[in-house]
Protein backbone atom coordinates (compact mmCIF):
# COMPACT_ATOMS: atom_id res chain seq x y z
CA MET A 1 7.13 21.33 -20.88
CA ILE A 2 4.95 18.24 -20.84
CA SER A 3 1.18 18.50 -20.87
CA VAL A 4 -1.41 16.23 -19.25
CA VAL A 5 -3.61 14.54 -21.86
CA ALA A 6 -6.06 12.93 -19.41
CA LEU A 7 -6.60 12.31 -15.73
CA GLY A 8 -8.19 9.12 -14.54
CA ALA A 9 -8.39 6.14 -12.28
CA VAL A 10 -8.18 2.37 -12.60
CA CYS A 11 -10.74 0.45 -10.54
CA GLU A 12 -9.76 -3.12 -9.67
CA LEU A 13 -11.25 -5.77 -7.42
CA LYS A 14 -9.08 -6.00 -4.33
CA GLN A 15 -11.02 -8.81 -2.65
CA SER A 16 -14.46 -10.18 -2.02
CA THR A 17 -15.38 -11.17 1.51
CA GLY A 18 -18.09 -13.17 3.15
CA TRP A 19 -19.26 -16.20 1.28
CA ASP A 20 -16.83 -19.08 0.98
CA SER A 21 -18.10 -22.47 -0.16
CA ARG A 22 -14.96 -24.20 1.14
CA LEU A 23 -16.07 -23.54 4.74
CA THR A 24 -19.29 -25.56 4.60
CA GLY A 25 -19.55 -27.74 7.69
CA VAL A 26 -16.51 -26.36 9.51
CA ASP A 27 -17.12 -26.56 13.26
CA GLU A 28 -13.67 -25.97 14.75
CA GLU A 29 -13.00 -23.36 17.42
CA LEU A 30 -10.82 -20.32 16.84
CA ASP A 31 -7.22 -20.49 18.03
CA THR A 32 -6.95 -17.72 20.62
CA SER A 33 -3.53 -18.67 22.00
CA ASN A 34 -1.88 -15.56 20.46
CA ALA A 35 -4.78 -13.20 21.17
CA LYS A 36 -4.28 -10.37 23.64
CA PRO A 37 -7.25 -10.15 26.01
CA ASP A 38 -7.25 -6.34 26.16
CA VAL A 39 -7.24 -5.83 22.37
CA PHE A 40 -10.46 -6.15 20.35
CA ARG A 41 -9.94 -7.81 16.98
CA PRO A 42 -12.90 -8.02 14.62
CA ALA A 43 -13.51 -11.47 13.23
CA THR A 44 -12.49 -12.14 9.66
CA PRO A 45 -15.16 -13.71 7.42
CA THR A 46 -13.52 -17.12 7.88
CA GLN A 47 -13.44 -16.75 11.67
CA HIS A 48 -17.07 -15.59 11.67
CA LYS A 49 -18.11 -18.65 9.67
CA ILE A 50 -16.16 -20.99 11.93
CA LYS A 51 -17.44 -19.39 15.12
CA THR A 52 -21.13 -18.95 14.26
CA GLY A 53 -21.76 -21.39 11.42
CA ARG A 54 -23.36 -18.58 9.38
CA HIS A 55 -22.17 -16.54 6.43
CA LYS A 56 -21.34 -12.87 6.75
CA PRO A 57 -22.83 -10.64 4.05
CA MET A 58 -20.93 -10.65 0.77
CA VAL A 59 -18.92 -7.48 0.14
CA LEU A 60 -16.84 -6.53 -2.91
CA ILE A 61 -13.81 -4.36 -2.09
CA PHE A 62 -12.33 -2.23 -4.86
CA SER A 63 -8.99 -0.43 -4.97
CA LEU A 64 -8.37 2.74 -6.98
CA GLU A 65 -5.20 3.95 -8.66
CA GLU A 66 -5.26 7.60 -9.73
CA PHE A 67 -3.12 8.63 -12.71
CA PRO A 68 -2.40 11.31 -15.33
CA ASP A 69 -1.63 10.35 -18.94
CA LEU A 70 1.19 12.58 -20.20
CA SER A 71 1.75 13.89 -23.73
CA ASP A 72 4.98 11.87 -24.02
CA GLY A 73 2.99 8.63 -23.61
CA ARG A 74 3.77 7.92 -19.95
CA ARG A 75 1.20 7.09 -17.29
CA ILE A 76 2.24 8.06 -13.78
CA THR A 77 0.57 6.70 -10.65
CA LEU A 78 -0.26 9.63 -8.38
CA LYS A 79 -1.77 7.64 -5.53
CA ALA A 80 -3.18 4.20 -4.95
CA ASP A 81 -4.47 4.57 -1.40
CA ARG A 82 -8.19 4.93 -2.12
CA GLY A 83 -10.96 2.40 -2.47
CA PHE A 84 -14.57 1.57 -1.72
CA SER A 85 -16.83 -1.40 -1.11
CA GLU A 86 -20.12 -2.54 -2.60
CA GLY A 87 -22.77 -4.67 -0.93
CA PRO A 88 -24.52 -6.32 0.70
CA TRP A 89 -27.57 -5.79 -1.45
CA ARG A 90 -30.92 -6.17 0.24
CA LEU A 91 -34.54 -6.01 -0.86
CA ALA A 92 -37.02 -4.17 1.37
CA VAL A 93 -40.46 -5.77 1.32
CA LYS A 94 -43.42 -4.02 2.97
CA VAL A 95 -45.43 -6.41 5.14
CA GLY A 96 -48.59 -4.93 6.56
CA LYS A 97 -49.00 -1.29 7.40
CA TRP A 98 -46.06 -0.76 9.77
CA ARG A 99 -43.60 -3.52 9.01
CA THR A 100 -40.83 -3.92 6.45
CA LEU A 101 -38.74 -7.04 5.94
CA SER A 102 -35.20 -6.76 4.65
CA LEU A 103 -34.27 -9.78 2.55
CA PRO A 104 -30.73 -10.46 1.32
CA LEU A 105 -30.38 -10.48 -2.46
CA ALA A 106 -26.81 -11.65 -2.78
CA ARG A 107 -25.11 -14.43 -0.87
CA SER A 108 -22.54 -15.56 -3.40
CA PRO A 109 -19.87 -13.79 -5.47
CA ARG A 110 -21.57 -14.74 -8.74
CA VAL A 111 -24.87 -13.14 -7.72
CA MET A 112 -23.15 -9.99 -6.43
CA TRP A 113 -22.02 -9.09 -9.94
CA TRP A 114 -25.64 -9.15 -11.20
CA PHE A 115 -26.23 -5.97 -9.19
CA THR A 116 -23.07 -4.18 -10.35
CA SER A 117 -22.62 -2.31 -13.64
CA ARG A 118 -19.90 -0.24 -15.31
CA ALA A 119 -21.95 2.94 -14.86
CA LYS A 120 -22.54 2.26 -11.16
CA LEU A 121 -18.87 1.56 -10.51
CA ALA A 122 -17.79 4.62 -12.53
CA ARG A 123 -20.12 6.86 -10.48
CA GLU A 124 -18.69 5.40 -7.28
CA VAL A 125 -15.08 5.95 -8.45
CA ILE A 126 -15.83 9.59 -9.30
CA ALA A 127 -17.57 10.12 -5.95
CA VAL A 128 -14.60 8.68 -4.04
CA LEU A 129 -11.95 10.63 -5.96
CA GLU A 130 -13.82 13.92 -6.38
CA PRO A 131 -11.78 16.57 -4.58
CA ASP A 132 -13.30 18.99 -2.10
CA ASP A 133 -11.39 21.86 -3.71
CA GLU A 134 -10.51 21.40 -7.40
CA LEU A 135 -7.90 24.16 -7.55
CA GLU A 136 -6.09 22.77 -4.52
CA HIS A 137 -6.21 19.29 -6.09
CA PHE A 138 -4.72 20.58 -9.37
CA ASP A 139 -1.93 22.27 -7.38
CA TRP A 140 -1.31 18.98 -5.57
CA ILE A 141 -1.01 17.15 -8.94
CA VAL A 142 1.47 19.74 -10.24
CA ASN A 143 3.52 19.50 -7.02
CA ARG A 144 3.43 15.69 -7.00
CA LEU A 145 4.61 15.47 -10.61
CA SER A 146 7.26 18.11 -9.92
CA TYR A 147 8.47 16.02 -6.96
CA LEU A 148 8.77 13.07 -9.36
CA GLY A 149 10.89 15.22 -11.69
CA ILE A 150 8.18 15.93 -14.29
CA GLU A 151 7.37 19.54 -15.11
CA VAL A 152 3.84 19.84 -16.50
CA ASP A 153 1.70 22.66 -17.82
CA ARG A 154 -0.89 23.51 -15.13
CA ALA A 155 -3.43 24.65 -17.74
CA SER A 156 -3.40 21.19 -19.34
CA ILE A 157 -4.37 19.62 -16.01
CA THR A 158 -7.43 21.85 -15.60
CA THR A 159 -8.69 21.01 -19.11
CA ALA A 160 -7.82 17.31 -19.13
CA PRO A 161 -10.80 14.91 -19.27
CA PHE A 162 -11.27 12.39 -16.45
CA ARG A 163 -11.47 8.69 -17.42
CA VAL A 164 -12.47 5.69 -15.38
CA GLU A 165 -10.88 2.41 -16.44
CA PHE A 166 -11.43 -1.06 -15.04
CA GLY A 167 -8.83 -3.68 -14.26
CA PRO A 168 -8.89 -7.14 -15.85
CA THR A 169 -10.63 -8.83 -12.90
CA VAL A 170 -13.47 -6.30 -12.85
CA LEU A 171 -13.86 -6.47 -16.64
CA SER A 172 -14.09 -10.25 -16.53
CA LYS A 173 -16.81 -10.16 -13.84
CA LEU A 174 -19.04 -7.34 -15.18
CA ARG A 175 -22.10 -8.17 -17.24
CA LYS A 176 -21.54 -7.82 -20.95
């Protein structure tokens, strides 16, 4: 029987939305020829920029891939349907006794990474993947691996450490 050496997740940048320097000065109208009048479609960042001439707030979108590392050296993807977003970051400034201004801190992708750290992302990954019921989650892992044809020792799952790893794009963007 195979044992689980570690459980974990890989956090990778899926996309960043909002700011796009290539759209500066674009004043064309949206093509609505294929749009259905009874269906509401939220504007994409590009459409928002074209329509209003202003930038939407910058948002980083991360995808998560949950895995167990097995004693035979294999890494199996359990699920890759989770994710989270970070941003926009704002600074609250108190003006007078009753008023607070909210000023944007990040309007470009480069600046967004100044406010992101490994520890912050790791905490977010754990918060997203933390199960409501641990025992039920361990049973789900055993059943999922069994469905994939891998018989594992349930006790090794309960004692396995949890690791957060970052994909190459995230590693290249994080502060050193």
